[in-house]
């Protein structure tokens, strides 16, 4: 499973309600994949990958997406899917 597929499936911003999600999370997925790929294998944990996703979200969306901590459960599911790939 790709990072983008995991993000599209979980849809953290609930964009699917506006229509199909072609490449809505493509850039965020690329940033996340690069950072996760750079981690030593011993640091590839759900907690660390979730932190990376959160950091990318804050960088890309900032205050626009509201309280990003409310998305942590979604980010944890995405992290789990990335690590189980």
Protein backbone atom coordinates (compact mmCIF):
# COMPACT_ATOMS: atom_id res chain seq x y z
CA UNK A 1 0.00 0.00 0.00
CA UNK A 2 1.29 3.41 -0.86
CA UNK A 3 1.22 6.38 1.48
CA UNK A 4 -1.15 8.19 -0.86
CA UNK A 5 -3.53 5.24 -0.93
CA UNK A 6 -3.56 5.13 2.87
CA UNK A 7 -4.24 8.88 3.04
CA UNK A 8 -6.96 8.68 0.40
CA UNK A 9 -8.62 5.74 2.15
CA UNK A 10 -8.54 7.43 5.57
CA UNK A 11 -9.22 10.92 4.12
CA UNK A 12 -8.03 13.03 7.10
CA UNK A 13 -9.60 16.23 5.76
CA UNK A 14 -12.87 14.51 4.79
CA UNK A 15 -12.58 15.78 1.24
CA UNK A 16 -14.38 12.79 -0.24
CA UNK A 17 -17.69 14.47 0.59
CA UNK A 18 -16.86 16.97 -2.20
CA UNK A 19 -16.15 14.30 -4.79
CA UNK A 20 -13.55 11.70 -5.78
CA UNK A 21 -10.04 12.02 -4.34
CA UNK A 22 -7.81 11.75 -7.41
CA UNK A 23 -4.54 13.21 -6.10
CA UNK A 24 -5.69 15.42 -3.27
CA UNK A 25 -3.02 14.17 -0.86
CA UNK A 26 -0.25 13.52 -3.41
CA UNK A 27 2.23 16.13 -2.20
CA UNK A 28 1.68 15.32 1.48
CA UNK A 29 2.10 11.61 0.68
CA UNK A 30 5.40 12.33 -1.06
CA UNK A 31 6.72 14.31 1.90
CA UNK A 32 5.65 11.61 4.35
CA UNK A 33 7.12 8.79 2.24
CA UNK A 34 10.46 10.60 1.97
CA UNK A 35 10.69 11.18 5.71
CA UNK A 36 9.60 7.67 6.64
CA UNK A 37 12.00 6.22 4.09
CA UNK A 38 14.86 8.17 5.67
CA UNK A 39 14.21 6.69 9.11
CA UNK A 40 16.49 3.89 10.28
CA UNK A 41 14.44 0.68 10.44
CA UNK A 42 14.60 0.65 14.25
CA UNK A 43 12.83 4.02 14.37
CA UNK A 44 9.95 3.03 12.10
CA UNK A 45 7.30 2.82 14.77
CA UNK A 46 3.64 3.78 14.68
CA UNK A 47 4.36 6.63 17.10
CA UNK A 48 7.24 8.05 15.04
CA UNK A 49 5.43 7.73 11.71
CA UNK A 50 2.33 9.31 13.25
CA UNK A 51 4.50 12.20 14.44
CA UNK A 52 5.86 12.62 10.91
CA UNK A 53 2.36 12.69 9.45
CA UNK A 54 1.32 15.27 12.05
CA UNK A 55 4.36 17.44 11.31
CA UNK A 56 3.68 17.32 7.57
CA UNK A 57 0.03 18.20 8.16
CA UNK A 58 0.93 21.18 10.29
CA UNK A 59 3.43 22.35 7.69
CA UNK A 60 1.02 21.99 4.79
CA UNK A 61 -2.29 23.01 6.35
CA UNK A 62 -1.40 24.87 9.54
CA UNK A 63 -4.35 26.52 11.20
CA UNK A 64 -6.54 26.06 8.14
CA UNK A 65 -7.38 22.49 9.06
CA UNK A 66 -8.18 23.31 12.69
CA UNK A 67 -6.83 21.36 15.63
CA UNK A 68 -4.60 18.77 14.00
CA UNK A 69 -4.41 16.79 17.26
CA UNK A 70 -8.02 15.75 16.64
CA UNK A 71 -6.78 13.87 13.57
CA UNK A 72 -4.25 11.79 15.53
CA UNK A 73 -6.43 8.64 15.47
CA UNK A 74 -6.66 8.94 11.67
CA UNK A 75 -2.92 9.57 11.42
CA UNK A 76 -2.27 6.50 13.58
CA UNK A 77 -4.34 4.36 11.20
CA UNK A 78 -2.40 5.78 8.24
CA UNK A 79 0.89 5.05 10.02
CA UNK A 80 -0.21 1.48 10.74
CA UNK A 81 -1.08 0.95 7.09
CA UNK A 82 2.25 2.43 5.94
CA UNK A 83 4.21 0.16 8.27
CA UNK A 84 2.20 -2.92 7.31
CA UNK A 85 2.93 -2.37 3.63
